[in-house]
Amino acid sequence: MFDPTIYENIKVALEGAIYDLDLSGEVLVVSRNDVIELSAMSREYAIGFQDRKSEAASRQKKTAAKIILAADTRDLAGEILELPEGNETNKSFGCTIKVIFLKEVVGLDQCREIEDMLDDVWSYRPHITQRLSFYHIPYTQREEKYEDEITLDFGRKINEENIEDLFSIIEHTVLSLRKMG
């Protein structure tokens, strides 16, 4: 009989929790990708959503969030082959989770405000990076609009033993999305 991997179990929990929020009218799922990289034998699942409750979000370009779950070859093979955990090669098997926000910003001052707000919501836990890109706008417009890609990296793996952290991450992501407007 087939025994699902940690990745598959967490993916089902993540997808179910986000779609529950979609069905209740809290968020709107806007993208979903499930990628199997056959050359590296790794997996990645990403689900993107927007806040349905924020009035500010309905008046401007909406901020979007994406939660990315990934498992690499070492995690998948180690678990399937039941390799021992705890040594230098196999510290622990599991998945990584990243949260990415895409937000339109006008000027660069907003980036510091966003980081301060996220530090407050997430209690300084994840490592936050921001990457700015110019929008494709006509040269004559000369408006300082950027797309800010904000990545939250937790720097650790998650497995079934700490799956409750997944639900906390989802809750904090929705709260952050609302605060960003």
Protein backbone atom coordinates (compact mmCIF):
# COMPACT_ATOMS: atom_id res chain seq x y z
CA MET A 1 0.00 0.00 0.00
CA PHE A 2 1.17 3.55 -0.79
CA ASP A 3 2.27 5.62 2.18
CA PRO A 4 2.09 9.39 1.49
CA THR A 5 5.21 11.43 2.13
CA ILE A 6 5.50 14.31 4.59
CA TYR A 7 5.28 16.67 1.61
CA GLU A 8 1.99 15.17 0.41
CA ASN A 9 0.42 15.22 3.87
CA ILE A 10 1.37 18.86 4.48
CA LYS A 11 0.29 19.84 0.96
CA VAL A 12 -3.19 18.42 1.60
CA ALA A 13 -3.44 20.28 4.92
CA LEU A 14 -2.21 23.56 3.35
CA GLU A 15 -4.51 23.33 0.36
CA GLY A 16 -7.50 22.42 2.53
CA ALA A 17 -6.91 25.28 4.97
CA ILE A 18 -6.58 27.87 2.19
CA TYR A 19 -9.66 26.60 0.34
CA ASP A 20 -11.63 26.68 3.60
CA LEU A 21 -10.76 30.38 3.82
CA ASP A 22 -11.78 30.81 0.18
CA LEU A 23 -15.13 29.10 0.74
CA SER A 24 -15.82 31.22 3.84
CA GLY A 25 -15.20 34.43 1.87
CA GLU A 26 -12.02 35.43 3.73
CA VAL A 27 -9.64 35.10 0.76
CA LEU A 28 -9.81 34.53 -2.98
CA VAL A 29 -7.52 31.84 -4.40
CA VAL A 30 -5.91 33.30 -7.54
CA SER A 31 -3.26 30.73 -8.43
CA ARG A 32 -2.18 27.19 -7.74
CA ASN A 33 0.87 25.35 -9.04
CA ASP A 34 2.04 21.83 -8.31
CA VAL A 35 5.43 21.15 -9.87
CA ILE A 36 7.41 17.92 -9.97
CA GLU A 37 10.95 18.52 -11.18
CA LEU A 38 11.77 15.17 -12.75
CA SER A 39 15.46 15.85 -13.36
CA ALA A 40 16.07 16.65 -9.69
CA MET A 41 13.13 14.63 -8.29
CA SER A 42 11.92 17.51 -6.17
CA ARG A 43 8.41 18.87 -5.56
CA GLU A 44 6.99 22.34 -5.10
CA TYR A 45 3.43 23.44 -4.41
CA ALA A 46 2.41 27.11 -4.46
CA ILE A 47 -1.01 28.56 -3.72
CA GLY A 48 -1.68 32.26 -4.19
CA PHE A 49 -4.54 34.29 -2.76
CA GLN A 50 -5.83 37.78 -2.08
CA ASP A 51 -7.81 39.26 0.79
CA ARG A 52 -11.55 39.62 0.13
CA LYS A 53 -12.29 41.65 3.26
CA SER A 54 -10.05 44.69 2.86
CA GLU A 55 -11.84 47.71 1.40
CA ALA A 56 -8.52 49.37 0.59
CA ALA A 57 -7.58 46.37 -1.51
CA SER A 58 -10.67 46.77 -3.68
CA ARG A 59 -9.78 50.40 -4.55
CA GLN A 60 -6.24 49.74 -5.78
CA LYS A 61 -4.16 46.96 -7.25
CA LYS A 62 -4.57 44.13 -4.77
CA THR A 63 -1.72 42.77 -2.74
CA ALA A 64 -1.32 39.03 -3.21
CA ALA A 65 0.19 36.34 -1.00
CA LYS A 66 1.67 33.04 -2.04
CA ILE A 67 2.64 30.16 0.22
CA ILE A 68 5.24 27.83 -1.26
CA LEU A 69 5.82 24.32 0.07
CA ALA A 70 8.88 22.45 -1.23
CA ALA A 71 10.67 19.17 -0.71
CA ASP A 72 13.98 18.34 -2.32
CA THR A 73 15.44 15.03 -3.43
CA ARG A 74 17.18 14.35 -0.12
CA ASP A 75 13.95 14.79 1.86
CA LEU A 76 11.79 12.72 -0.47
CA ALA A 77 14.31 9.92 -1.05
CA GLY A 78 15.40 9.77 2.59
CA GLU A 79 11.84 9.38 3.75
CA ILE A 80 10.83 6.86 1.07
CA LEU A 81 13.98 4.77 1.58
CA GLU A 82 13.64 5.13 5.37
CA LEU A 83 17.20 6.38 5.80
CA PRO A 84 18.19 7.14 9.40
CA GLU A 85 17.78 10.76 10.47
CA GLY A 86 20.11 12.71 12.69
CA ASN A 87 23.47 12.28 10.98
CA GLU A 88 25.32 15.00 9.05
CA THR A 89 23.74 14.06 5.71
CA ASN A 90 20.18 13.54 6.93
CA LYS A 91 19.58 16.07 9.70
CA SER A 92 15.81 15.71 9.38
CA PHE A 93 13.34 15.07 6.62
CA GLY A 94 10.53 17.46 5.87
CA CYS A 95 9.50 20.43 3.77
CA THR A 96 10.40 24.07 3.58
CA ILE A 97 7.79 26.81 3.55
CA LYS A 98 8.14 30.34 2.23
CA VAL A 99 5.59 33.11 2.14
CA ILE A 100 5.78 35.67 -0.65
CA PHE A 101 3.79 38.88 -0.88
CA LEU A 102 3.48 40.93 -4.06
CA LYS A 103 2.59 44.55 -3.45
CA GLU A 104 2.61 47.71 -5.50
CA VAL A 105 4.60 50.46 -3.80
CA VAL A 106 4.97 54.10 -4.73
CA GLY A 107 8.40 55.32 -3.74
CA LEU A 108 10.89 53.49 -1.58
CA ASP A 109 9.74 54.71 1.84
CA GLN A 110 6.99 52.10 1.94
CA CYS A 111 9.53 49.26 2.04
CA ARG A 112 10.69 50.15 5.58
CA GLU A 113 7.06 50.47 6.73
CA ILE A 114 6.25 47.05 5.27
CA GLU A 115 9.22 45.42 6.97
CA ASP A 116 8.39 47.04 10.34
CA MET A 117 4.77 45.87 10.08
CA LEU A 118 5.81 42.32 9.16
CA ASP A 119 8.34 42.20 12.02
CA ASP A 120 5.53 43.22 14.36
CA VAL A 121 3.02 40.64 13.02
CA TRP A 122 5.55 37.78 12.84
CA SER A 123 7.46 38.68 16.05
CA TYR A 124 10.76 39.05 14.16
CA ARG A 125 10.76 35.32 13.39
CA PRO A 126 11.16 34.83 9.63
CA HIS A 127 13.98 36.36 7.63
CA ILE A 128 12.44 39.08 5.42
CA THR A 129 13.83 40.13 2.05
CA GLN A 130 12.34 42.62 -0.39
CA ARG A 131 13.05 42.79 -4.09
CA LEU A 132 11.80 45.71 -6.15
CA SER A 133 10.99 45.67 -9.86
CA PHE A 134 9.90 48.50 -12.09
CA TYR A 135 6.46 48.20 -13.59
CA HIS A 136 6.25 48.28 -17.35
CA ILE A 137 5.06 51.86 -17.65
CA PRO A 138 5.62 54.40 -20.40
CA TYR A 139 8.70 56.56 -19.95
CA THR A 140 6.56 59.69 -20.13
CA GLN A 141 4.57 58.61 -17.07
CA ARG A 142 7.66 58.81 -14.81
CA GLU A 143 5.86 57.56 -11.75
CA GLU A 144 7.90 55.76 -9.11
CA LYS A 145 5.78 52.62 -8.97
CA TYR A 146 7.43 49.35 -8.12
CA GLU A 147 6.37 45.81 -7.54
CA ASP A 148 7.71 44.75 -4.15
CA GLU A 149 8.28 41.02 -3.80
CA ILE A 150 8.50 40.38 -0.07
CA THR A 151 9.79 36.94 0.91
CA LEU A 152 9.51 35.44 4.38
CA ASP A 153 11.91 32.55 4.91
CA PHE A 154 11.60 30.54 8.12
CA GLY A 155 14.99 28.83 7.81
CA ARG A 156 13.81 25.43 8.97
CA LYS A 157 11.86 22.39 7.87
CA ILE A 158 8.35 21.42 8.84
CA ASN A 159 6.92 17.91 9.14
CA GLU A 160 3.81 16.26 10.57
CA GLU A 161 5.06 16.70 14.15
CA ASN A 162 4.82 20.48 13.88
CA ILE A 163 1.97 20.81 11.39
CA GLU A 164 0.21 23.23 13.78
CA ASP A 165 2.88 25.74 12.73
CA LEU A 166 1.39 25.57 9.23
CA PHE A 167 -1.97 26.86 10.45
CA SER A 168 -0.24 29.64 12.38
CA ILE A 169 1.67 30.61 9.22
CA ILE A 170 -1.59 30.79 7.25
CA GLU A 171 -3.23 32.91 9.96
CA HIS A 172 -0.27 35.31 10.09
CA THR A 173 -0.17 35.49 6.28
CA VAL A 174 -3.83 36.54 6.08
CA LEU A 175 -3.30 39.12 8.85
CA SER A 176 -0.23 40.51 7.04
CA LEU A 177 -2.16 40.66 3.78
CA ARG A 178 -4.91 42.69 5.46
CA LYS A 179 -2.46 45.08 7.06
CA MET A 180 -0.72 45.66 3.73
CA GLY A 181 -4.05 46.45 2.09
